[in-house]
Amino acid sequence: MLKQLRGIVFDLDGTLVDSALDFPAMRREIGCPEGTGLLEFVDKLDCATKRATAEAVIHRHEMAGAARATWMPGASRLLQGIAQAGLPTGIVTRNSREAAGMTLSSLGAPQLALVAREDARPKPDPDGLLQLAERWQLAPGTLAYVGDFRFDIEAARRAGMTAVLYLQDKNRDYADEADLVFSHFDELAEWLPA
């Protein structure tokens, strides 16, 4: 199914890298209830001071995560192979541009198009994915989005892209919602155009 791809987009945290972000701790610190997206919660805060404080908490956690991030097994090798093949490759993340950039730089990632939360409405909105499709001048249907969370699958579907799930113990509940599912990046490499 992916042999017809003209470009591929990845989520960052939990997909390409493990930055061990402590989402329960972030929720506790800013008072965000379980089941509500952190960014959505912060966006709805009616006081600018509360919003700035919550944003600072998230930023602190993201930067700490960026400093300790490690590649998921096989992810670095896959990205290097994709870069050598010349397939347009990018990242759409709910992280800040600074945290995502620090993560990619410290891990020695190849040059990738990056759309962070400052650049687009957060997933599950397809805005960031559609921005990359337009930048590359490729039809969304010729692209795949690879992620580890339901927001990733929803964003891919809403953008008209192939939804690919990096399967882990924590996300098995929505594996049926993805077009393709893999559990190691070597598997994904076999599906990509040569």
Foldseek 3Di string as FASTA:
>chain_A
DQQLAQAEEEAPDPFFKPLPQDVVVLCVVLVNDPPDDLVVVLVPDPDPVSSVVSVVSLLVSLQSSLVRMDGDAPNQVLQVVCVVVVRQYAYEYQADPVSVVSNCVVHVGDDHHYHYVVRAPHFVALGVVVVVCVVVVHQLCNYEYEYAAPSRLSNSVVSNYQYEHQDDPVRPVCPVSGPYYDPHVVVVSVSHHD
